């Protein structure tokens, strides 16, 4: 089910949760309206399975993954527009991505993202007492970036606190991807979900997939 209409989304979500149908959100920027729909869907799923205690950490994970995807898409758009002159200059990338991902510029960025067909898709699916969450963006990762991401996930799985992780593993040039993924790993660990239930993959050509598997029993 693809959620589109603001007037009917709650009824559509309730029906989808009852039938255990796929729920899909398509976002072009991290707008509050999209977040509210995701919150509503997640809450209804967790209520059905008597696991509302998982709401805050799981929504925080989803929000981090959407933020990462939005940043990656924004970087690509700024490169295509020539705003980012040197994509290997992390300081320039961080500064210019942040300049458009603020409250004032989000709506304008969302229009640009739609024009460039740079969406973020969020899937929620319940199957055999597990909640499967997938966040997909239109930017592939190369082998070097994938190795870096997997290293961060593995390292952060040893920590119970995100602040401790970054004190031991500072990365002043990080574009946000490292922080977001490490945050997800630590949040999952704090609700007794192994980092093996969180996987980031890429097809190497058009997309990157962030997947979480949440036990509901």
N, C-alpha and C. Protein backbone atom coordinates (compact mmCIF):
# COMPACT_ATOMS: atom_id res chain seq x y z
N UNK A 1 0.83 -1.19 0.00
CA UNK A 1 0.00 0.00 0.00
C UNK A 1 0.87 1.24 0.00
N UNK A 2 0.62 2.18 -0.88
CA UNK A 2 1.37 3.43 -0.98
C UNK A 2 0.56 4.54 -0.35
N UNK A 3 1.11 5.15 0.71
CA UNK A 3 0.38 6.17 1.46
C UNK A 3 0.56 7.52 0.77
N UNK A 4 -0.53 8.16 0.34
CA UNK A 4 -0.41 9.44 -0.36
C UNK A 4 -1.33 10.51 0.21
N UNK A 5 -2.58 10.21 0.40
CA UNK A 5 -3.57 11.22 0.75
C UNK A 5 -3.54 11.56 2.24
N UNK A 6 -3.29 12.84 2.60
CA UNK A 6 -3.27 13.23 4.01
C UNK A 6 -4.62 13.01 4.69
N UNK A 7 -5.71 13.13 3.93
CA UNK A 7 -7.04 13.01 4.52
C UNK A 7 -7.39 11.57 4.89
N UNK A 8 -6.82 10.62 4.18
CA UNK A 8 -7.24 9.23 4.38
C UNK A 8 -6.13 8.32 4.90
N UNK A 9 -4.94 8.86 5.14
CA UNK A 9 -3.83 7.97 5.44
C UNK A 9 -4.02 7.15 6.72
N UNK A 10 -4.68 7.73 7.73
CA UNK A 10 -4.84 6.97 8.97
C UNK A 10 -5.70 5.73 8.75
N UNK A 11 -6.82 5.88 8.05
CA UNK A 11 -7.67 4.73 7.78
C UNK A 11 -6.96 3.71 6.90
N UNK A 12 -6.19 4.19 5.92
CA UNK A 12 -5.44 3.29 5.04
C UNK A 12 -4.40 2.50 5.84
N UNK A 13 -3.73 3.19 6.75
CA UNK A 13 -2.72 2.53 7.57
C UNK A 13 -3.36 1.50 8.49
N UNK A 14 -4.46 1.86 9.14
CA UNK A 14 -5.15 0.93 10.04
C UNK A 14 -5.56 -0.33 9.28
N UNK A 15 -6.08 -0.16 8.08
CA UNK A 15 -6.47 -1.31 7.25
C UNK A 15 -5.26 -2.15 6.88
N UNK A 16 -4.17 -1.50 6.50
CA UNK A 16 -2.95 -2.22 6.12
C UNK A 16 -2.37 -3.00 7.30
N UNK A 17 -2.38 -2.40 8.48
CA UNK A 17 -1.87 -3.08 9.68
C UNK A 17 -2.74 -4.29 10.00
N UNK A 18 -4.05 -4.12 9.90
CA UNK A 18 -4.97 -5.22 10.17
C UNK A 18 -4.72 -6.39 9.22
N UNK A 19 -4.45 -6.08 7.95
CA UNK A 19 -4.25 -7.12 6.94
C UNK A 19 -2.79 -7.55 6.79
N UNK A 20 -1.91 -6.92 7.59
CA UNK A 20 -0.47 -7.16 7.49
C UNK A 20 0.04 -6.96 6.06
N UNK A 21 -0.44 -5.89 5.44
CA UNK A 21 0.01 -5.51 4.10
C UNK A 21 1.25 -4.63 4.21
N UNK A 22 2.01 -4.55 3.12
CA UNK A 22 3.15 -3.64 3.08
C UNK A 22 2.66 -2.20 3.19
N UNK A 23 3.41 -1.39 3.93
CA UNK A 23 3.14 0.05 3.99
C UNK A 23 4.36 0.76 3.43
N UNK A 24 4.13 1.64 2.46
CA UNK A 24 5.24 2.30 1.77
C UNK A 24 5.06 3.81 1.83
N UNK A 25 6.13 4.50 2.23
CA UNK A 25 6.15 5.96 2.22
C UNK A 25 7.21 6.41 1.23
N UNK A 26 6.91 7.45 0.48
CA UNK A 26 7.88 8.04 -0.43
C UNK A 26 8.13 9.48 0.01
N UNK A 27 9.40 9.79 0.30
CA UNK A 27 9.74 11.12 0.81
C UNK A 27 10.81 11.76 -0.07
N UNK A 28 10.70 13.07 -0.22
CA UNK A 28 11.72 13.82 -0.97
C UNK A 28 12.52 14.75 -0.06
N UNK A 29 12.06 14.91 1.17
CA UNK A 29 12.81 15.65 2.18
C UNK A 29 12.25 15.25 3.53
N UNK A 30 12.98 15.56 4.58
CA UNK A 30 12.58 15.12 5.92
C UNK A 30 11.51 16.04 6.49
N UNK A 31 10.36 16.08 5.85
CA UNK A 31 9.28 16.96 6.29
C UNK A 31 8.49 16.33 7.44
N UNK A 32 7.99 17.17 8.33
CA UNK A 32 7.28 16.70 9.52
C UNK A 32 6.04 15.89 9.15
N UNK A 33 5.38 16.23 8.03
CA UNK A 33 4.17 15.53 7.62
C UNK A 33 4.45 14.04 7.38
N UNK A 34 5.57 13.76 6.71
CA UNK A 34 5.95 12.37 6.45
C UNK A 34 6.27 11.65 7.74
N UNK A 35 6.98 12.33 8.63
CA UNK A 35 7.33 11.73 9.92
C UNK A 35 6.09 11.35 10.71
N UNK A 36 5.07 12.20 10.69
CA UNK A 36 3.84 11.91 11.43
C UNK A 36 3.15 10.66 10.89
N UNK A 37 3.16 10.48 9.58
CA UNK A 37 2.56 9.28 8.99
C UNK A 37 3.32 8.03 9.41
N UNK A 38 4.65 8.12 9.39
CA UNK A 38 5.47 6.97 9.78
C UNK A 38 5.25 6.65 11.26
N UNK A 39 5.20 7.68 12.09
CA UNK A 39 4.93 7.47 13.52
C UNK A 39 3.61 6.74 13.73
N UNK A 40 2.59 7.19 13.02
CA UNK A 40 1.26 6.59 13.17
C UNK A 40 1.29 5.13 12.77
N UNK A 41 1.91 4.83 11.63
CA UNK A 41 1.98 3.44 11.16
C UNK A 41 2.77 2.56 12.12
N UNK A 42 3.91 3.05 12.56
CA UNK A 42 4.74 2.27 13.49
C UNK A 42 4.00 2.01 14.79
N UNK A 43 3.34 3.03 15.31
CA UNK A 43 2.60 2.87 16.57
C UNK A 43 1.49 1.83 16.43
N UNK A 44 0.76 1.85 15.32
CA UNK A 44 -0.32 0.89 15.11
C UNK A 44 0.21 -0.54 15.00
N UNK A 45 1.34 -0.69 14.32
CA UNK A 45 1.94 -2.03 14.20
C UNK A 45 2.37 -2.54 15.56
N UNK A 46 3.05 -1.70 16.33
CA UNK A 46 3.56 -2.12 17.64
C UNK A 46 2.42 -2.35 18.63
N UNK A 47 1.38 -1.53 18.55
CA UNK A 47 0.20 -1.74 19.42
C UNK A 47 -0.43 -3.10 19.15
N UNK A 48 -0.55 -3.45 17.89
CA UNK A 48 -1.17 -4.72 17.52
C UNK A 48 -0.42 -5.90 18.13
N UNK A 49 0.89 -5.77 18.24
CA UNK A 49 1.72 -6.87 18.74
C UNK A 49 2.16 -6.66 20.19
N UNK A 50 1.51 -5.71 20.87
CA UNK A 50 1.81 -5.42 22.28
C UNK A 50 3.29 -5.12 22.51
N UNK A 51 3.89 -4.36 21.60
CA UNK A 51 5.30 -3.97 21.73
C UNK A 51 5.48 -2.46 21.58
N UNK A 52 4.54 -1.70 22.12
CA UNK A 52 4.63 -0.25 22.02
C UNK A 52 5.88 0.27 22.74
N UNK A 53 6.45 -0.56 23.62
CA UNK A 53 7.69 -0.18 24.31
C UNK A 53 8.85 0.04 23.34
N UNK A 54 8.73 -0.51 22.14
CA UNK A 54 9.80 -0.36 21.14
C UNK A 54 9.66 0.91 20.31
N UNK A 55 8.58 1.65 20.51
CA UNK A 55 8.28 2.76 19.59
C UNK A 55 9.40 3.79 19.50
N UNK A 56 9.83 4.32 20.64
CA UNK A 56 10.81 5.42 20.61
C UNK A 56 12.13 5.01 19.98
N UNK A 57 12.76 3.90 20.42
CA UNK A 57 14.03 3.53 19.77
C UNK A 57 13.89 3.18 18.30
N UNK A 58 12.82 2.48 17.92
CA UNK A 58 12.67 2.09 16.51
C UNK A 58 12.39 3.30 15.63
N UNK A 59 11.53 4.21 16.10
CA UNK A 59 11.29 5.41 15.30
C UNK A 59 12.57 6.24 15.18
N UNK A 60 13.35 6.30 16.25
CA UNK A 60 14.63 7.03 16.18
C UNK A 60 15.55 6.42 15.14
N UNK A 61 15.57 5.09 15.06
CA UNK A 61 16.38 4.41 14.03
C UNK A 61 15.90 4.77 12.63
N UNK A 62 14.59 4.72 12.42
CA UNK A 62 14.03 5.05 11.11
C UNK A 62 14.38 6.49 10.73
N UNK A 63 14.26 7.39 11.70
CA UNK A 63 14.54 8.81 11.44
C UNK A 63 16.00 9.01 11.05
N UNK A 64 16.90 8.30 11.73
CA UNK A 64 18.33 8.41 11.39
C UNK A 64 18.58 7.91 9.97
N UNK A 65 17.96 6.81 9.61
CA UNK A 65 18.17 6.25 8.27
C UNK A 65 17.60 7.16 7.18
N UNK A 66 16.46 7.77 7.45
CA UNK A 66 15.90 8.73 6.49
C UNK A 66 16.82 9.94 6.36
N UNK A 67 17.34 10.40 7.48
CA UNK A 67 18.26 11.54 7.46
C UNK A 67 19.50 11.22 6.63
N UNK A 68 20.05 10.02 6.81
CA UNK A 68 21.22 9.61 6.02
C UNK A 68 20.90 9.60 4.53
N UNK A 69 19.75 9.03 4.20
CA UNK A 69 19.36 8.94 2.79
C UNK A 69 19.15 10.33 2.19
N UNK A 70 18.53 11.22 2.96
CA UNK A 70 18.29 12.58 2.49
C UNK A 70 19.60 13.31 2.24
N UNK A 71 20.57 13.13 3.15
CA UNK A 71 21.88 13.77 2.98
C UNK A 71 22.58 13.26 1.73
N UNK A 72 22.51 11.95 1.50
CA UNK A 72 23.15 11.38 0.31
C UNK A 72 22.51 11.92 -0.96
N UNK A 73 21.18 12.02 -0.97
CA UNK A 73 20.49 12.56 -2.13
C UNK A 73 20.82 14.04 -2.34
N UNK A 74 20.89 14.79 -1.24
CA UNK A 74 21.21 16.22 -1.32
C UNK A 74 22.61 16.43 -1.89
N UNK A 75 23.55 15.61 -1.45
CA UNK A 75 24.92 15.70 -1.97
C UNK A 75 24.94 15.49 -3.48
N UNK A 76 24.20 14.49 -3.94
CA UNK A 76 24.15 14.19 -5.37
C UNK A 76 23.56 15.36 -6.16
N UNK A 77 22.49 15.94 -5.65
CA UNK A 77 21.85 17.08 -6.33
C UNK A 77 22.81 18.26 -6.41
N UNK A 78 23.48 18.56 -5.30
CA UNK A 78 24.42 19.69 -5.28
C UNK A 78 25.60 19.46 -6.21
N UNK A 79 26.01 18.21 -6.35
CA UNK A 79 27.07 17.89 -7.31
C UNK A 79 26.59 18.11 -8.74
N UNK A 80 25.38 17.66 -9.04
CA UNK A 80 24.83 17.82 -10.39
C UNK A 80 24.62 19.28 -10.75
N UNK A 81 24.30 20.10 -9.73
CA UNK A 81 24.08 21.53 -9.97
C UNK A 81 25.37 22.33 -9.97
N UNK A 82 26.49 21.67 -9.64
CA UNK A 82 27.78 22.35 -9.62
C UNK A 82 28.03 23.16 -8.36
N UNK A 83 27.15 23.02 -7.36
CA UNK A 83 27.34 23.74 -6.10
C UNK A 83 28.50 23.15 -5.31
N UNK A 84 28.59 21.82 -5.31
CA UNK A 84 29.75 21.14 -4.72
C UNK A 84 30.78 20.96 -5.83
N UNK A 85 31.89 21.66 -5.69
CA UNK A 85 32.92 21.63 -6.73
C UNK A 85 33.80 20.40 -6.62
N UNK A 86 34.10 20.02 -5.37
CA UNK A 86 35.02 18.89 -5.14
C UNK A 86 34.36 17.90 -4.17
N UNK A 87 33.76 16.83 -4.68
CA UNK A 87 33.07 15.86 -3.81
C UNK A 87 34.00 15.13 -2.85
N UNK A 88 35.32 15.19 -3.09
CA UNK A 88 36.27 14.55 -2.19
C UNK A 88 36.65 15.45 -1.02
N UNK A 89 36.23 16.71 -1.07
CA UNK A 89 36.48 17.65 0.03
C UNK A 89 35.35 17.53 1.04
N UNK A 90 35.57 16.73 2.08
CA UNK A 90 34.49 16.44 3.05
C UNK A 90 33.98 17.69 3.73
N UNK A 91 34.89 18.64 4.01
CA UNK A 91 34.47 19.87 4.70
C UNK A 91 33.50 20.67 3.83
N UNK A 92 33.80 20.77 2.54
CA UNK A 92 32.91 21.48 1.62
C UNK A 92 31.57 20.77 1.51
N UNK A 93 31.61 19.44 1.39
CA UNK A 93 30.37 18.66 1.25
C UNK A 93 29.47 18.86 2.46
N UNK A 94 30.05 18.71 3.66
CA UNK A 94 29.26 18.85 4.89
C UNK A 94 28.63 20.24 4.97
N UNK A 95 29.43 21.26 4.71
CA UNK A 95 28.95 22.64 4.82
C UNK A 95 27.79 22.92 3.85
N UNK A 96 27.94 22.48 2.62
CA UNK A 96 26.94 22.80 1.60
C UNK A 96 25.68 21.93 1.71
N UNK A 97 25.83 20.69 2.15
CA UNK A 97 24.65 19.85 2.38
C UNK A 97 23.83 20.42 3.54
N UNK A 98 24.53 20.82 4.61
CA UNK A 98 23.82 21.39 5.76
C UNK A 98 23.10 22.69 5.39
N UNK A 99 23.64 23.43 4.44
CA UNK A 99 23.05 24.72 4.07
C UNK A 99 21.67 24.57 3.44
N UNK A 100 21.37 23.40 2.85
CA UNK A 100 20.04 23.22 2.25
C UNK A 100 19.14 22.31 3.08
N UNK A 101 19.73 21.58 4.03
CA UNK A 101 18.90 20.69 4.86
C UNK A 101 18.59 21.35 6.20
N UNK A 102 18.01 22.54 6.13
CA UNK A 102 17.55 23.21 7.34
C UNK A 102 16.07 23.53 7.16
N UNK A 103 15.45 23.95 8.23
CA UNK A 103 13.99 24.14 8.21
C UNK A 103 13.55 25.12 7.12
N UNK A 104 14.34 26.16 6.91
CA UNK A 104 13.99 27.19 5.93
C UNK A 104 14.05 26.67 4.49
N UNK A 105 15.02 25.78 4.23
CA UNK A 105 15.28 25.34 2.85
C UNK A 105 14.68 23.98 2.50
N UNK A 106 14.10 23.28 3.49
CA UNK A 106 13.65 21.91 3.26
C UNK A 106 12.62 21.79 2.14
N UNK A 107 11.65 22.71 2.13
CA UNK A 107 10.60 22.62 1.11
C UNK A 107 11.19 22.81 -0.29
N UNK A 108 12.07 23.80 -0.42
CA UNK A 108 12.72 24.05 -1.71
C UNK A 108 13.55 22.83 -2.12
N UNK A 109 14.27 22.26 -1.15
CA UNK A 109 15.06 21.07 -1.45
C UNK A 109 14.16 19.92 -1.90
N UNK A 110 13.01 19.75 -1.23
CA UNK A 110 12.09 18.67 -1.59
C UNK A 110 11.62 18.78 -3.03
N UNK A 111 11.36 20.02 -3.48
CA UNK A 111 10.96 20.24 -4.88
C UNK A 111 12.09 19.84 -5.82
N UNK A 112 13.31 20.24 -5.47
CA UNK A 112 14.47 19.87 -6.30
C UNK A 112 14.65 18.36 -6.34
N UNK A 113 14.51 17.72 -5.18
CA UNK A 113 14.69 16.27 -5.10
C UNK A 113 13.68 15.56 -6.00
N UNK A 114 12.45 16.06 -6.01
CA UNK A 114 11.42 15.46 -6.86
C UNK A 114 11.75 15.66 -8.33
N UNK A 115 12.25 16.83 -8.68
CA UNK A 115 12.64 17.11 -10.06
C UNK A 115 13.77 16.19 -10.51
N UNK A 116 14.69 15.91 -9.59
CA UNK A 116 15.84 15.04 -9.89
C UNK A 116 15.51 13.56 -9.69
N UNK A 117 14.26 13.27 -9.28
CA UNK A 117 13.84 11.90 -8.99
C UNK A 117 14.71 11.24 -7.92
N UNK A 118 15.02 12.03 -6.88
CA UNK A 118 15.86 11.55 -5.79
C UNK A 118 14.99 11.31 -4.55
N UNK A 119 14.28 10.23 -4.54
CA UNK A 119 13.36 9.94 -3.44
C UNK A 119 14.02 9.05 -2.38
N UNK A 120 13.40 9.04 -1.21
CA UNK A 120 13.71 8.05 -0.17
C UNK A 120 12.43 7.25 0.06
N UNK A 121 12.54 5.93 0.00
CA UNK A 121 11.37 5.07 0.21
C UNK A 121 11.52 4.32 1.52
N UNK A 122 10.44 4.29 2.28
CA UNK A 122 10.43 3.62 3.58
C UNK A 122 9.36 2.53 3.54
N UNK A 123 9.78 1.30 3.78
CA UNK A 123 8.87 0.14 3.76
C UNK A 123 8.72 -0.42 5.17
N UNK A 124 7.49 -0.70 5.57
CA UNK A 124 7.20 -1.39 6.82
C UNK A 124 6.40 -2.64 6.47
N UNK A 125 6.85 -3.79 6.96
CA UNK A 125 6.18 -5.05 6.65
C UNK A 125 6.29 -5.99 7.84
N UNK A 126 5.17 -6.54 8.26
CA UNK A 126 5.17 -7.54 9.33
C UNK A 126 5.05 -8.93 8.71
N UNK A 127 5.96 -9.81 9.15
CA UNK A 127 5.95 -11.18 8.62
C UNK A 127 6.45 -12.13 9.71
N UNK A 128 5.62 -13.09 10.05
CA UNK A 128 5.98 -14.11 11.05
C UNK A 128 6.53 -13.48 12.33
N UNK A 129 5.74 -12.57 12.91
CA UNK A 129 6.07 -11.95 14.20
C UNK A 129 7.36 -11.14 14.17
N UNK A 130 7.71 -10.63 13.00
CA UNK A 130 8.85 -9.74 12.86
C UNK A 130 8.42 -8.51 12.05
N UNK A 131 8.96 -7.36 12.43
CA UNK A 131 8.75 -6.15 11.65
C UNK A 131 9.98 -5.92 10.78
N UNK A 132 9.76 -5.92 9.49
CA UNK A 132 10.84 -5.68 8.53
C UNK A 132 10.75 -4.22 8.07
N UNK A 133 11.84 -3.49 8.27
CA UNK A 133 11.90 -2.07 7.90
C UNK A 133 13.00 -1.89 6.86
N UNK A 134 12.68 -1.20 5.80
CA UNK A 134 13.68 -0.95 4.75
C UNK A 134 13.61 0.50 4.31
N UNK A 135 14.77 1.15 4.27
CA UNK A 135 14.87 2.53 3.79
C UNK A 135 15.79 2.52 2.57
N UNK A 136 15.26 3.00 1.44
CA UNK A 136 15.98 2.92 0.17
C UNK A 136 16.19 4.33 -0.38
N UNK A 137 17.42 4.62 -0.80
CA UNK A 137 17.65 5.88 -1.50
C UNK A 137 18.33 5.61 -2.84
N UNK A 138 18.34 6.63 -3.69
CA UNK A 138 18.76 6.46 -5.08
C UNK A 138 20.25 6.66 -5.32
N UNK A 139 21.05 6.51 -4.28
CA UNK A 139 22.49 6.70 -4.41
C UNK A 139 23.20 5.40 -4.07
N UNK A 140 23.95 4.81 -5.00
CA UNK A 140 24.71 3.60 -4.69
C UNK A 140 25.98 3.93 -3.91
N UNK A 141 26.51 2.96 -3.21
CA UNK A 141 27.80 3.12 -2.53
C UNK A 141 28.86 2.33 -3.28
N UNK A 142 30.07 2.88 -3.34
CA UNK A 142 31.17 2.12 -3.94
C UNK A 142 31.78 1.19 -2.91
N UNK A 143 32.72 0.37 -3.33
CA UNK A 143 33.30 -0.64 -2.44
C UNK A 143 34.01 0.00 -1.25
N UNK A 144 34.68 1.12 -1.49
CA UNK A 144 35.40 1.79 -0.39
C UNK A 144 34.43 2.28 0.67
N UNK A 145 33.33 2.92 0.23
CA UNK A 145 32.34 3.42 1.18
C UNK A 145 31.63 2.28 1.92
N UNK A 146 31.35 1.18 1.21
CA UNK A 146 30.71 0.04 1.86
C UNK A 146 31.61 -0.56 2.93
N UNK A 147 32.90 -0.64 2.64
CA UNK A 147 33.85 -1.18 3.63
C UNK A 147 33.89 -0.28 4.86
N UNK A 148 33.86 1.03 4.63
CA UNK A 148 33.88 1.98 5.74
C UNK A 148 32.62 1.86 6.59
N UNK A 149 31.48 1.73 5.93
CA UNK A 149 30.20 1.60 6.62
C UNK A 149 30.17 0.33 7.46
N UNK A 150 30.57 -0.79 6.87
CA UNK A 150 30.55 -2.07 7.59
C UNK A 150 31.51 -2.05 8.78
N UNK A 151 32.63 -1.36 8.62
CA UNK A 151 33.58 -1.23 9.73
C UNK A 151 32.96 -0.43 10.87
N UNK A 152 32.25 0.64 10.54
CA UNK A 152 31.59 1.45 11.58
C UNK A 152 30.52 0.64 12.31
N UNK A 153 29.74 -0.11 11.56
CA UNK A 153 28.68 -0.92 12.17
C UNK A 153 29.28 -1.93 13.14
N UNK A 154 30.34 -2.60 12.70
CA UNK A 154 30.99 -3.60 13.55
C UNK A 154 31.58 -2.97 14.80
N UNK A 155 32.27 -1.84 14.64
CA UNK A 155 32.89 -1.17 15.78
C UNK A 155 31.84 -0.67 16.77
N UNK A 156 30.79 -0.04 16.26
CA UNK A 156 29.79 0.55 17.15
C UNK A 156 28.99 -0.51 17.90
N UNK A 157 28.98 -1.75 17.40
CA UNK A 157 28.26 -2.82 18.09
C UNK A 157 28.88 -3.17 19.43
N UNK A 158 30.10 -2.71 19.67
CA UNK A 158 30.78 -2.99 20.95
C UNK A 158 30.43 -1.97 22.03
N UNK A 159 29.67 -0.96 21.67
CA UNK A 159 29.38 0.13 22.60
C UNK A 159 27.92 0.14 23.02
N UNK A 160 27.69 0.65 24.24
CA UNK A 160 26.33 0.82 24.75
C UNK A 160 25.88 2.27 24.68
N UNK A 161 26.81 3.16 24.36
CA UNK A 161 26.54 4.59 24.38
C UNK A 161 27.19 5.24 23.17
N UNK A 162 26.42 6.02 22.40
CA UNK A 162 26.94 6.60 21.17
C UNK A 162 28.04 7.62 21.45
N UNK A 163 27.95 8.32 22.58
CA UNK A 163 28.99 9.31 22.92
C UNK A 163 30.33 8.62 23.15
N UNK A 164 30.30 7.48 23.82
CA UNK A 164 31.53 6.73 24.06
C UNK A 164 32.15 6.28 22.74
N UNK A 165 31.29 5.85 21.82
CA UNK A 165 31.80 5.40 20.53
C UNK A 165 32.55 6.52 19.82
N UNK A 166 31.99 7.72 19.80
CA UNK A 166 32.64 8.80 19.07
C UNK A 166 33.81 9.41 19.81
N UNK A 167 33.87 9.23 21.11
CA UNK A 167 35.07 9.63 21.83
C UNK A 167 36.24 8.74 21.45
N UNK A 168 35.95 7.46 21.25
CA UNK A 168 37.00 6.50 20.88
C UNK A 168 37.27 6.47 19.38
N UNK A 169 36.30 6.91 18.58
CA UNK A 169 36.42 6.84 17.12
C UNK A 169 36.02 8.16 16.48
N UNK A 170 36.76 9.24 16.78
CA UNK A 170 36.39 10.54 16.22
C UNK A 170 36.55 10.58 14.71
N UNK A 171 35.65 11.26 14.06
CA UNK A 171 35.73 11.42 12.60
C UNK A 171 35.21 12.81 12.26
N UNK A 172 36.07 13.84 12.41
CA UNK A 172 35.62 15.22 12.20
C UNK A 172 35.16 15.51 10.79
N UNK A 173 35.52 14.65 9.82
CA UNK A 173 35.13 14.89 8.44
C UNK A 173 33.90 14.07 8.02
N UNK A 174 33.31 13.36 8.98
CA UNK A 174 32.15 12.52 8.65
C UNK A 174 31.01 13.38 8.11
N UNK A 175 30.31 12.87 7.14
CA UNK A 175 29.21 13.61 6.53
C UNK A 175 27.88 13.28 7.18
N UNK A 176 27.88 12.54 8.29
CA UNK A 176 26.63 12.20 8.96
C UNK A 176 26.29 10.73 8.82
N UNK A 177 26.75 10.08 7.76
CA UNK A 177 26.44 8.67 7.54
C UNK A 177 26.95 7.83 8.70
N UNK A 178 28.20 8.07 9.11
CA UNK A 178 28.77 7.27 10.20
C UNK A 178 27.99 7.44 11.49
N UNK A 179 27.66 8.68 11.81
CA UNK A 179 26.92 8.96 13.04
C UNK A 179 25.56 8.27 13.02
N UNK A 180 24.85 8.40 11.91
CA UNK A 180 23.52 7.82 11.82
C UNK A 180 23.51 6.32 11.97
N UNK A 181 24.41 5.64 11.25
CA UNK A 181 24.45 4.18 11.30
C UNK A 181 24.89 3.69 12.66
N UNK A 182 25.88 4.36 13.25
CA UNK A 182 26.34 3.97 14.58
C UNK A 182 25.24 4.17 15.61
N UNK A 183 24.48 5.24 15.46
CA UNK A 183 23.35 5.49 16.36
C UNK A 183 22.33 4.37 16.27
N UNK A 184 22.04 3.92 15.06
CA UNK A 184 21.08 2.82 14.87
C UNK A 184 21.56 1.56 15.58
N UNK A 185 22.83 1.23 15.41
CA UNK A 185 23.39 0.02 16.03
C UNK A 185 23.26 0.08 17.55
N UNK A 186 23.61 1.23 18.13
CA UNK A 186 23.55 1.37 19.60
C UNK A 186 22.11 1.35 20.10
N UNK A 187 21.21 2.02 19.39
CA UNK A 187 19.79 2.00 19.79
C UNK A 187 19.23 0.58 19.76
N UNK A 188 19.57 -0.18 18.73
CA UNK A 188 19.10 -1.57 18.64
C UNK A 188 19.69 -2.41 19.77
N UNK A 189 20.96 -2.21 20.03
CA UNK A 189 21.61 -2.98 21.10
C UNK A 189 20.95 -2.72 22.45
N UNK A 190 20.53 -1.48 22.67
CA UNK A 190 19.91 -1.12 23.94
C UNK A 190 18.53 -1.74 24.13
N UNK A 191 17.94 -2.27 23.05
CA UNK A 191 16.67 -3.01 23.18
C UNK A 191 16.90 -4.49 22.84
N UNK A 192 18.14 -4.91 23.03
CA UNK A 192 18.53 -6.33 22.89
C UNK A 192 18.32 -6.89 21.49
N UNK A 193 18.58 -6.06 20.49
CA UNK A 193 18.54 -6.52 19.10
C UNK A 193 19.96 -6.44 18.53
N UNK A 194 20.47 -7.56 18.07
CA UNK A 194 21.84 -7.63 17.58
C UNK A 194 22.04 -6.78 16.34
N UNK A 195 23.27 -6.30 16.16
CA UNK A 195 23.59 -5.51 14.97
C UNK A 195 23.47 -6.34 13.70
N UNK A 196 23.43 -7.67 13.84
CA UNK A 196 23.25 -8.53 12.66
C UNK A 196 21.84 -8.39 12.07
N UNK A 197 20.93 -7.81 12.85
CA UNK A 197 19.58 -7.55 12.34
C UNK A 197 19.48 -6.22 11.60
N UNK A 198 20.63 -5.56 11.45
CA UNK A 198 20.70 -4.30 10.71
C UNK A 198 21.74 -4.44 9.61
N UNK A 199 21.29 -4.31 8.37
CA UNK A 199 22.18 -4.54 7.22
C UNK A 199 22.07 -3.39 6.24
N UNK A 200 23.23 -2.95 5.75
CA UNK A 200 23.25 -1.94 4.70
C UNK A 200 23.87 -2.57 3.46
N UNK A 201 23.15 -2.50 2.34
CA UNK A 201 23.65 -3.08 1.09
C UNK A 201 23.46 -2.07 -0.05
N UNK A 202 24.10 -2.34 -1.17
CA UNK A 202 23.95 -1.50 -2.36
C UNK A 202 23.97 -2.38 -3.60
N UNK A 203 23.27 -1.94 -4.64
CA UNK A 203 23.36 -2.67 -5.90
C UNK A 203 24.54 -2.17 -6.74
N UNK A 204 25.22 -1.13 -6.23
CA UNK A 204 26.41 -0.63 -6.90
C UNK A 204 26.15 0.25 -8.10
N UNK A 205 24.88 0.39 -8.48
CA UNK A 205 24.57 1.19 -9.67
C UNK A 205 23.52 2.27 -9.44
N UNK A 206 22.46 1.94 -8.70
CA UNK A 206 21.37 2.93 -8.57
C UNK A 206 20.84 3.13 -7.15
N UNK A 207 21.05 2.19 -6.24
CA UNK A 207 20.37 2.29 -4.95
C UNK A 207 21.23 1.77 -3.79
N UNK A 208 20.87 2.26 -2.58
CA UNK A 208 21.41 1.74 -1.33
C UNK A 208 20.23 1.36 -0.44
N UNK A 209 20.35 0.23 0.24
CA UNK A 209 19.26 -0.33 1.05
C UNK A 209 19.71 -0.46 2.51
N UNK A 210 18.97 0.13 3.43
CA UNK A 210 19.19 -0.06 4.86
C UNK A 210 18.03 -0.88 5.40
N UNK A 211 18.33 -2.02 6.02
CA UNK A 211 17.28 -2.95 6.44
C UNK A 211 17.42 -3.29 7.93
N UNK A 212 16.29 -3.32 8.61
CA UNK A 212 16.24 -3.73 10.01
C UNK A 212 15.18 -4.81 10.19
N UNK A 213 15.49 -5.79 11.03
CA UNK A 213 14.53 -6.84 11.36
C UNK A 213 14.28 -6.79 12.86
N UNK A 214 13.04 -6.51 13.24
CA UNK A 214 12.68 -6.29 14.64
C UNK A 214 11.76 -7.41 15.13
N UNK A 215 12.22 -8.25 16.06
CA UNK A 215 11.33 -9.29 16.62
C UNK A 215 10.19 -8.65 17.40
N UNK A 216 8.98 -9.16 17.21
CA UNK A 216 7.81 -8.60 17.88
C UNK A 216 7.24 -9.54 18.93
N UNK A 217 7.81 -10.72 19.07
CA UNK A 217 7.27 -11.69 20.04
C UNK A 217 8.01 -11.59 21.36
